[in-house]
């Protein structure tokens, strides 16, 4: 059993405790269904599974050990366990990646489907490459047929959403990015400022994609930073210096 658990931890990038919890939960669920009684399943110190059924008789709760060797349908159990582990792995990955929602991402365009959705290879977490989708309605009209968005080009994106999905019954991580968010204007400007980004507040009040973005800043921004964002987004960046942000 120890070798099986170890192989699952490697395959699904889960901890030993997480794998054991999934095994216990699945066996408890199936045994409870088969015996029509509450069944608790747990690992002993020697990593052998033990199952205990609980039955109330005459107001007294009775316990009895369930013989696991009598379980039928082991192939079905194995497939269900693999599915559950895959779901647990995707949920764990989603929780890690959720932290980076609304951040700036740079990615390489690798494909474009029949609906004109873009597929972007990127790294939300350094060293972990994945493919994100940029829906066609999240791409500016002025960019949809631009050579700047041809396969192989690298562009800036706003990390819009991270969520777990089922693709043909298989758990998968879905990462959605966009080019039309006001937040993209803000994060691009901050990325141009480096350490100085901590000294100013930047807020994109309005964005007319492909035409103009109106930005409020509590400090003067270098012309080079504004021009760099202007060129990346192909729209005019109008920066207004304010003492405080609206609503403060």
C-alpha atoms as a PDB file:
ATOM      1  CA  UNK A   1       0.000   0.000   0.000  1.00  0.00           C
ATOM      2  CA  UNK A   2       2.862   2.367   0.783  1.00  0.00           C
ATOM      3  CA  UNK A   3       4.199   1.986  -2.773  1.00  0.00           C
ATOM      4  CA  UNK A   4       0.724   2.614  -4.234  1.00  0.00           C
ATOM      5  CA  UNK A   5       0.303   5.786  -2.171  1.00  0.00           C
ATOM      6  CA  UNK A   6       3.787   6.965  -3.165  1.00  0.00           C
ATOM      7  CA  UNK A   7       3.037   6.431  -6.868  1.00  0.00           C
ATOM      8  CA  UNK A   8      -0.203   8.424  -6.565  1.00  0.00           C
ATOM      9  CA  UNK A   9       1.568  11.320  -4.831  1.00  0.00           C
ATOM     10  CA  UNK A  10       3.973  11.563  -7.774  1.00  0.00           C
ATOM     11  CA  UNK A  11       1.340  11.108 -10.493  1.00  0.00           C
ATOM     12  CA  UNK A  12      -1.133  13.643  -9.100  1.00  0.00           C
ATOM     13  CA  UNK A  13       1.246  16.055  -7.299  1.00  0.00           C
ATOM     14  CA  UNK A  14      -0.591  15.495  -4.014  1.00  0.00           C
ATOM     15  CA  UNK A  15       0.785  14.938  -0.528  1.00  0.00           C
ATOM     16  CA  UNK A  16       0.707  11.544   1.136  1.00  0.00           C
ATOM     17  CA  UNK A  17      -2.002  12.759   3.535  1.00  0.00           C
ATOM     18  CA  UNK A  18      -4.146  14.041   0.638  1.00  0.00           C
ATOM     19  CA  UNK A  19      -3.929  10.719  -1.212  1.00  0.00           C
ATOM     20  CA  UNK A  20      -4.770   8.762   1.934  1.00  0.00           C
ATOM     21  CA  UNK A  21      -7.769  11.008   2.627  1.00  0.00           C
ATOM     22  CA  UNK A  22      -9.145  10.390  -0.895  1.00  0.00           C
ATOM     23  CA  UNK A  23      -8.732   6.617  -0.492  1.00  0.00           C
ATOM     24  CA  UNK A  24     -10.458   6.635   2.896  1.00  0.00           C
ATOM     25  CA  UNK A  25     -13.329   8.794   1.616  1.00  0.00           C
ATOM     26  CA  UNK A  26     -13.969   6.630  -1.466  1.00  0.00           C
ATOM     27  CA  UNK A  27     -13.928   3.326   0.427  1.00  0.00           C
ATOM     28  CA  UNK A  28     -16.164   4.757   3.156  1.00  0.00           C
ATOM     29  CA  UNK A  29     -18.682   5.982   0.576  1.00  0.00           C
ATOM     30  CA  UNK A  30     -18.799   2.723  -1.378  1.00  0.00           C
ATOM     31  CA  UNK A  31     -18.960   0.481   1.685  1.00  0.00           C
ATOM     32  CA  UNK A  32     -21.717   2.610   3.212  1.00  0.00           C
ATOM     33  CA  UNK A  33     -23.702   2.205  -0.021  1.00  0.00           C
ATOM     34  CA  UNK A  34     -23.154  -1.544  -0.207  1.00  0.00           C
ATOM     35  CA  UNK A  35     -23.929  -2.301   3.441  1.00  0.00           C
ATOM     36  CA  UNK A  36     -26.546   0.452   3.801  1.00  0.00           C
ATOM     37  CA  UNK A  37     -24.881   1.348   7.072  1.00  0.00           C
ATOM     38  CA  UNK A  38     -22.497   4.129   8.090  1.00  0.00           C
ATOM     39  CA  UNK A  39     -18.971   2.829   7.497  1.00  0.00           C
ATOM     40  CA  UNK A  40     -15.771   4.552   8.575  1.00  0.00           C
ATOM     41  CA  UNK A  41     -12.541   3.691   6.769  1.00  0.00           C
ATOM     42  CA  UNK A  42      -9.106   4.700   7.994  1.00  0.00           C
ATOM     43  CA  UNK A  43      -5.456   3.794   7.665  1.00  0.00           C
ATOM     44  CA  UNK A  44      -3.759   2.110  10.592  1.00  0.00           C
ATOM     45  CA  UNK A  45      -0.195   2.968  11.578  1.00  0.00           C
ATOM     46  CA  UNK A  46       1.085   0.152   9.354  1.00  0.00           C
ATOM     47  CA  UNK A  47      -0.819   1.733   6.409  1.00  0.00           C
ATOM     48  CA  UNK A  48      -3.327  -1.102   6.211  1.00  0.00           C
ATOM     49  CA  UNK A  49      -6.928  -0.061   5.611  1.00  0.00           C
ATOM     50  CA  UNK A  50      -9.488  -0.817   8.278  1.00  0.00           C
ATOM     51  CA  UNK A  51     -13.254  -0.422   7.917  1.00  0.00           C
ATOM     52  CA  UNK A  52     -15.791  -0.274  10.739  1.00  0.00           C
ATOM     53  CA  UNK A  53     -19.567  -0.426  10.209  1.00  0.00           C
ATOM     54  CA  UNK A  54     -21.899   1.213  12.710  1.00  0.00           C
ATOM     55  CA  UNK A  55     -25.370  -0.162  13.382  1.00  0.00           C
ATOM     56  CA  UNK A  56     -27.878   1.044  15.972  1.00  0.00           C
ATOM     57  CA  UNK A  57     -29.807  -1.739  17.677  1.00  0.00           C
ATOM     58  CA  UNK A  58     -32.131  -1.178  20.624  1.00  0.00           C
ATOM     59  CA  UNK A  59     -30.700   2.277  21.190  1.00  0.00           C
ATOM     60  CA  UNK A  60     -27.171   0.901  21.330  1.00  0.00           C
ATOM     61  CA  UNK A  61     -24.615   1.650  18.609  1.00  0.00           C
ATOM     62  CA  UNK A  62     -22.903  -1.573  17.568  1.00  0.00           C
ATOM     63  CA  UNK A  63     -19.575  -1.718  15.741  1.00  0.00           C
ATOM     64  CA  UNK A  64     -18.216  -4.463  13.551  1.00  0.00           C
ATOM     65  CA  UNK A  65     -15.188  -4.774  11.336  1.00  0.00           C
ATOM     66  CA  UNK A  66     -15.803  -5.047   7.607  1.00  0.00           C
ATOM     67  CA  UNK A  67     -13.660  -7.508   5.688  1.00  0.00           C
ATOM     68  CA  UNK A  68     -12.151  -5.493   2.855  1.00  0.00           C
ATOM     69  CA  UNK A  69     -11.026  -8.605   0.990  1.00  0.00           C
ATOM     70  CA  UNK A  70     -14.686  -9.327   0.214  1.00  0.00           C
ATOM     71  CA  UNK A  71     -15.115  -6.108  -1.755  1.00  0.00           C
ATOM     72  CA  UNK A  72     -16.146  -6.655  -5.370  1.00  0.00           C
ATOM     73  CA  UNK A  73     -15.647  -4.361  -8.340  1.00  0.00           C
ATOM     74  CA  UNK A  74     -12.053  -3.438  -7.569  1.00  0.00           C
ATOM     75  CA  UNK A  75     -11.524  -2.251 -11.132  1.00  0.00           C
ATOM     76  CA  UNK A  76     -14.423   0.184 -10.789  1.00  0.00           C
ATOM     77  CA  UNK A  77     -13.071   1.366  -7.447  1.00  0.00           C
ATOM     78  CA  UNK A  78      -9.636   1.965  -8.958  1.00  0.00           C
ATOM     79  CA  UNK A  79     -11.072   4.027 -11.810  1.00  0.00           C
ATOM     80  CA  UNK A  80     -13.197   6.067  -9.403  1.00  0.00           C
ATOM     81  CA  UNK A  81     -10.192   6.642  -7.157  1.00  0.00           C
ATOM     82  CA  UNK A  82      -8.119   7.858 -10.101  1.00  0.00           C
ATOM     83  CA  UNK A  83     -10.929  10.246 -11.080  1.00  0.00           C
ATOM     84  CA  UNK A  84     -11.215  11.536  -7.506  1.00  0.00           C
ATOM     85  CA  UNK A  85      -7.456  12.021  -7.251  1.00  0.00           C
ATOM     86  CA  UNK A  86      -7.433  13.899 -10.553  1.00  0.00           C
ATOM     87  CA  UNK A  87     -10.225  16.166  -9.264  1.00  0.00           C
ATOM     88  CA  UNK A  88      -8.343  16.753  -6.013  1.00  0.00           C
ATOM     89  CA  UNK A  89      -5.184  17.586  -7.962  1.00  0.00           C
ATOM     90  CA  UNK A  90      -7.006  20.104 -10.183  1.00  0.00           C
ATOM     91  CA  UNK A  91      -8.733  21.716  -7.192  1.00  0.00           C
ATOM     92  CA  UNK A  92      -5.376  22.050  -5.455  1.00  0.00           C
ATOM     93  CA  UNK A  93      -3.835  23.550  -8.582  1.00  0.00           C
ATOM     94  CA  UNK A  94      -6.786  25.928  -8.954  1.00  0.00           C
ATOM     95  CA  UNK A  95      -6.366  27.158  -5.375  1.00  0.00           C
ATOM     96  CA  UNK A  96      -2.673  27.904  -6.045  1.00  0.00           C
ATOM     97  CA  UNK A  97      -3.367  29.732  -9.299  1.00  0.00           C
ATOM     98  CA  UNK A  98      -6.370  31.703  -7.982  1.00  0.00           C
ATOM     99  CA  UNK A  99      -3.930  33.874  -6.062  1.00  0.00           C
ATOM    100  CA  UNK A 100      -2.629  35.269  -9.365  1.00  0.00           C
ATOM    101  CA  UNK A 101      -5.982  36.277 -10.863  1.00  0.00           C
ATOM    102  CA  UNK A 102      -6.005  39.891 -12.136  1.00  0.00           C
ATOM    103  CA  UNK A 103      -2.229  39.808 -12.622  1.00  0.00           C
ATOM    104  CA  UNK A 104      -0.262  40.602 -15.783  1.00  0.00           C
ATOM    105  CA  UNK A 105       0.830  37.648 -17.922  1.00  0.00           C
ATOM    106  CA  UNK A 106       3.048  37.491 -20.970  1.00  0.00           C
ATOM    107  CA  UNK A 107       2.428  34.576 -23.268  1.00  0.00           C
ATOM    108  CA  UNK A 108       3.105  33.190 -26.726  1.00  0.00           C
ATOM    109  CA  UNK A 109       0.169  32.655 -29.076  1.00  0.00           C
ATOM    110  CA  UNK A 110       0.261  29.005 -30.147  1.00  0.00           C
ATOM    111  CA  UNK A 111      -3.093  28.452 -31.876  1.00  0.00           C
ATOM    112  CA  UNK A 112      -6.315  30.043 -33.082  1.00  0.00           C
ATOM    113  CA  UNK A 113      -9.492  27.964 -33.434  1.00  0.00           C
ATOM    114  CA  UNK A 114     -12.393  28.245 -35.866  1.00  0.00           C
ATOM    115  CA  UNK A 115     -14.176  30.734 -33.566  1.00  0.00           C
ATOM    116  CA  UNK A 116     -11.037  32.934 -33.482  1.00  0.00           C
ATOM    117  CA  UNK A 117     -10.299  32.165 -29.826  1.00  0.00           C
ATOM    118  CA  UNK A 118      -6.584  32.375 -29.094  1.00  0.00           C
ATOM    119  CA  UNK A 119      -4.563  29.780 -27.194  1.00  0.00           C
ATOM    120  CA  UNK A 120      -1.643  31.195 -25.270  1.00  0.00           C
ATOM    121  CA  UNK A 121       1.303  29.349 -23.755  1.00  0.00           C
ATOM    122  CA  UNK A 122       2.319  31.075 -20.548  1.00  0.00           C
ATOM    123  CA  UNK A 123       3.525  30.610 -16.975  1.00  0.00           C
ATOM    124  CA  UNK A 124       1.255  31.743 -14.154  1.00  0.00           C
ATOM    125  CA  UNK A 125       3.793  30.278 -11.732  1.00  0.00           C
ATOM    126  CA  UNK A 126       7.432  30.340 -12.821  1.00  0.00           C
ATOM    127  CA  UNK A 127       8.503  27.023 -14.309  1.00  0.00           C
ATOM    128  CA  UNK A 128       4.947  25.701 -14.732  1.00  0.00           C
ATOM    129  CA  UNK A 129       3.961  26.125 -18.376  1.00  0.00           C
ATOM    130  CA  UNK A 130       0.311  25.868 -19.360  1.00  0.00           C
ATOM    131  CA  UNK A 131      -2.052  26.858 -22.151  1.00  0.00           C
ATOM    132  CA  UNK A 132      -4.594  29.601 -21.472  1.00  0.00           C
ATOM    133  CA  UNK A 133      -7.514  30.629 -23.660  1.00  0.00           C
ATOM    134  CA  UNK A 134      -8.288  34.180 -24.737  1.00  0.00           C
ATOM    135  CA  UNK A 135     -11.915  34.203 -26.004  1.00  0.00           C
ATOM    136  CA  UNK A 136     -12.507  36.170 -29.176  1.00  0.00           C
ATOM    137  CA  UNK A 137     -14.848  38.562 -27.333  1.00  0.00           C
ATOM    138  CA  UNK A 138     -11.950  39.387 -24.999  1.00  0.00           C
ATOM    139  CA  UNK A 139      -9.766  40.581 -27.862  1.00  0.00           C
ATOM    140  CA  UNK A 140     -10.117  44.115 -29.228  1.00  0.00           C
ATOM    141  CA  UNK A 141     -11.636  44.441 -32.691  1.00  0.00           C
ATOM    142  CA  UNK A 142      -8.492  46.260 -33.829  1.00  0.00           C
ATOM    143  CA  UNK A 143      -6.355  43.269 -32.789  1.00  0.00           C
ATOM    144  CA  UNK A 144      -8.336  40.267 -34.013  1.00  0.00           C
ATOM    145  CA  UNK A 145      -6.758  40.200 -37.465  1.00  0.00           C
ATOM    146  CA  UNK A 146      -3.523  41.962 -36.604  1.00  0.00           C
ATOM    147  CA  UNK A 147      -0.157  40.457 -37.428  1.00  0.00           C
ATOM    148  CA  UNK A 148       0.809  41.190 -33.829  1.00  0.00           C
ATOM    149  CA  UNK A 149      -1.476  38.313 -32.849  1.00  0.00           C
ATOM    150  CA  UNK A 150      -0.173  35.745 -35.306  1.00  0.00           C
ATOM    151  CA  UNK A 151       0.972  32.360 -34.030  1.00  0.00           C
ATOM    152  CA  UNK A 152       4.377  32.683 -32.411  1.00  0.00           C
ATOM    153  CA  UNK A 153       3.945  36.295 -31.285  1.00  0.00           C
ATOM    154  CA  UNK A 154       4.313  37.185 -27.603  1.00  0.00           C
ATOM    155  CA  UNK A 155       1.768  39.544 -26.070  1.00  0.00           C
ATOM    156  CA  UNK A 156       0.615  40.836 -22.678  1.00  0.00           C
ATOM    157  CA  UNK A 157      -2.619  39.505 -21.155  1.00  0.00           C
ATOM    158  CA  UNK A 158      -4.766  40.028 -18.080  1.00  0.00           C
ATOM    159  CA  UNK A 159      -5.326  36.831 -16.075  1.00  0.00           C
ATOM    160  CA  UNK A 160      -9.095  36.964 -15.929  1.00  0.00           C
ATOM    161  CA  UNK A 161     -10.170  33.679 -14.372  1.00  0.00           C
ATOM    162  CA  UNK A 162      -8.890  30.321 -13.138  1.00  0.00           C
ATOM    163  CA  UNK A 163     -11.387  27.504 -12.650  1.00  0.00           C
ATOM    164  CA  UNK A 164     -11.662  23.697 -12.592  1.00  0.00           C
ATOM    165  CA  UNK A 165     -13.652  22.142 -15.444  1.00  0.00           C
ATOM    166  CA  UNK A 166     -14.529  18.705 -16.799  1.00  0.00           C
ATOM    167  CA  UNK A 167     -13.337  18.090 -20.362  1.00  0.00           C
ATOM    168  CA  UNK A 168     -14.871  14.887 -21.741  1.00  0.00           C
ATOM    169  CA  UNK A 169     -15.227  13.696 -18.166  1.00  0.00           C
ATOM    170  CA  UNK A 170     -11.609  14.477 -17.273  1.00  0.00           C
ATOM    171  CA  UNK A 171     -10.816  17.164 -14.649  1.00  0.00           C
ATOM    172  CA  UNK A 172      -8.821  20.029 -16.127  1.00  0.00           C
ATOM    173  CA  UNK A 173      -7.622  23.484 -15.113  1.00  0.00           C
ATOM    174  CA  UNK A 174      -9.062  26.269 -17.276  1.00  0.00           C
ATOM    175  CA  UNK A 175      -7.158  29.545 -17.420  1.00  0.00           C
ATOM    176  CA  UNK A 176      -8.883  32.475 -19.153  1.00  0.00           C
ATOM    177  CA  UNK A 177      -6.991  35.609 -20.176  1.00  0.00           C
ATOM    178  CA  UNK A 178      -8.072  38.783 -21.943  1.00  0.00           C
ATOM    179  CA  UNK A 179      -6.857  41.917 -23.713  1.00  0.00           C
ATOM    180  CA  UNK A 180      -9.758  44.262 -22.962  1.00  0.00           C
ATOM    181  CA  UNK A 181      -9.622  44.691 -19.176  1.00  0.00           C
ATOM    182  CA  UNK A 182      -8.941  48.061 -17.555  1.00  0.00           C
ATOM    183  CA  UNK A 183      -6.744  46.160 -15.123  1.00  0.00           C
ATOM    184  CA  UNK A 184      -4.420  45.250 -18.007  1.00  0.00           C
ATOM    185  CA  UNK A 185      -3.691  48.954 -18.532  1.00  0.00           C
ATOM    186  CA  UNK A 186      -2.867  49.362 -14.835  1.00  0.00           C
ATOM    187  CA  UNK A 187      -0.641  46.282 -14.553  1.00  0.00           C
ATOM    188  CA  UNK A 188       1.239  47.139 -17.741  1.00  0.00           C
ATOM    189  CA  UNK A 189       1.978  50.634 -16.435  1.00  0.00           C
ATOM    190  CA  UNK A 190       3.128  49.247 -13.080  1.00  0.00           C
ATOM    191  CA  UNK A 191       5.365  46.728 -14.831  1.00  0.00           C
ATOM    192  CA  UNK A 192       7.122  49.626 -16.576  1.00  0.00           C
ATOM    193  CA  UNK A 193       7.792  51.427 -13.287  1.00  0.00           C
ATOM    194  CA  UNK A 194       9.669  48.632 -11.550  1.00  0.00           C
ATOM    195  CA  UNK A 195      10.247  49.288  -7.805  1.00  0.00           C
ATOM    196  CA  UNK A 196       8.765  52.788  -8.170  1.00  0.00           C
ATOM    197  CA  UNK A 197       5.342  51.205  -8.748  1.00  0.00           C
ATOM    198  CA  UNK A 198       4.948  50.970  -4.968  1.00  0.00           C
ATOM    199  CA  UNK A 199       5.167  54.758  -4.649  1.00  0.00           C
ATOM    200  CA  UNK A 200       2.134  55.631  -6.768  1.00  0.00           C
ATOM    201  CA  UNK A 201      -1.476  54.585  -7.138  1.00  0.00           C
ATOM    202  CA  UNK A 202      -2.712  53.907 -10.661  1.00  0.00           C
ATOM    203  CA  UNK A 203      -6.347  53.525 -11.658  1.00  0.00           C
ATOM    204  CA  UNK A 204      -7.802  53.147 -15.145  1.00  0.00           C
ATOM    205  CA  UNK A 205     -11.042  55.113 -14.963  1.00  0.00           C
ATOM    206  CA  UNK A 206     -12.306  54.293 -18.449  1.00  0.00           C
ATOM    207  CA  UNK A 207     -11.064  52.249 -21.349  1.00  0.00           C
ATOM    208  CA  UNK A 208     -12.210  52.527 -24.940  1.00  0.00           C
ATOM    209  CA  UNK A 209     -10.453  49.465 -26.333  1.00  0.00           C
ATOM    210  CA  UNK A 210      -8.330  50.279 -29.353  1.00  0.00           C
ATOM    211  CA  UNK A 211      -8.846  54.021 -28.955  1.00  0.00           C
ATOM    212  CA  UNK A 212      -8.051  55.491 -25.549  1.00  0.00           C
ATOM    213  CA  UNK A 213      -7.626  54.675 -21.855  1.00  0.00           C
ATOM    214  CA  UNK A 214      -8.108  57.357 -19.212  1.00  0.00           C
ATOM    215  CA  UNK A 215      -5.790  56.748 -16.267  1.00  0.00           C
ATOM    216  CA  UNK A 216      -5.523  58.473 -12.883  1.00  0.00           C
ATOM    217  CA  UNK A 217      -2.150  58.426 -11.136  1.00  0.00           C
ATOM    218  CA  UNK A 218      -1.038  59.927  -7.824  1.00  0.00           C
ATOM    219  CA  UNK A 219       2.432  60.516  -9.250  1.00  0.00           C
ATOM    220  CA  UNK A 220       4.042  61.491 -12.520  1.00  0.00           C
ATOM    221  CA  UNK A 221       4.705  58.528 -14.811  1.00  0.00           C
ATOM    222  CA  UNK A 222       7.741  58.387 -17.120  1.00  0.00           C
ATOM    223  CA  UNK A 223       6.905  59.159 -20.724  1.00  0.00           C
ATOM    224  CA  UNK A 224       8.723  55.982 -21.752  1.00  0.00           C
ATOM    225  CA  UNK A 225       6.352  53.884 -19.607  1.00  0.00           C
ATOM    226  CA  UNK A 226       3.267  55.476 -21.132  1.00  0.00           C
ATOM    227  CA  UNK A 227       4.601  55.033 -24.675  1.00  0.00           C
ATOM    228  CA  UNK A 228       5.457  51.362 -24.021  1.00  0.00           C
ATOM    229  CA  UNK A 229       1.890  50.618 -22.884  1.00  0.00           C
ATOM    230  CA  UNK A 230       0.475  52.696 -25.741  1.00  0.00           C
ATOM    231  CA  UNK A 231       2.414  50.545 -28.218  1.00  0.00           C
ATOM    232  CA  UNK A 232       1.493  47.232 -26.598  1.00  0.00           C
ATOM    233  CA  UNK A 233      -2.241  48.000 -26.530  1.00  0.00           C
ATOM    234  CA  UNK A 234      -2.339  50.076 -29.731  1.00  0.00           C
ATOM    235  CA  UNK A 235      -4.356  52.799 -28.002  1.00  0.00           C
ATOM    236  CA  UNK A 236      -3.680  56.222 -26.520  1.00  0.00           C
ATOM    237  CA  UNK A 237      -2.932  56.255 -22.790  1.00  0.00           C
ATOM    238  CA  UNK A 238      -4.112  59.513 -21.212  1.00  0.00           C
ATOM    239  CA  UNK A 239      -2.673  59.960 -17.709  1.00  0.00           C
ATOM    240  CA  UNK A 240      -4.153  62.531 -15.323  1.00  0.00           C
ATOM    241  CA  UNK A 241      -2.214  63.365 -12.157  1.00  0.00           C
ATOM    242  CA  UNK A 242      -4.448  63.487  -9.067  1.00  0.00           C
ATOM    243  CA  UNK A 243      -3.809  63.968  -5.351  1.00  0.00           C
ATOM    244  CA  UNK A 244      -6.087  61.086  -4.409  1.00  0.00           C
ATOM    245  CA  UNK A 245      -8.175  58.459  -6.132  1.00  0.00           C
ATOM    246  CA  UNK A 246     -11.944  58.903  -6.560  1.00  0.00           C
ATOM    247  CA  UNK A 247     -13.796  57.684  -3.488  1.00  0.00           C
ATOM    248  CA  UNK A 248     -10.845  58.062  -1.125  1.00  0.00           C
END
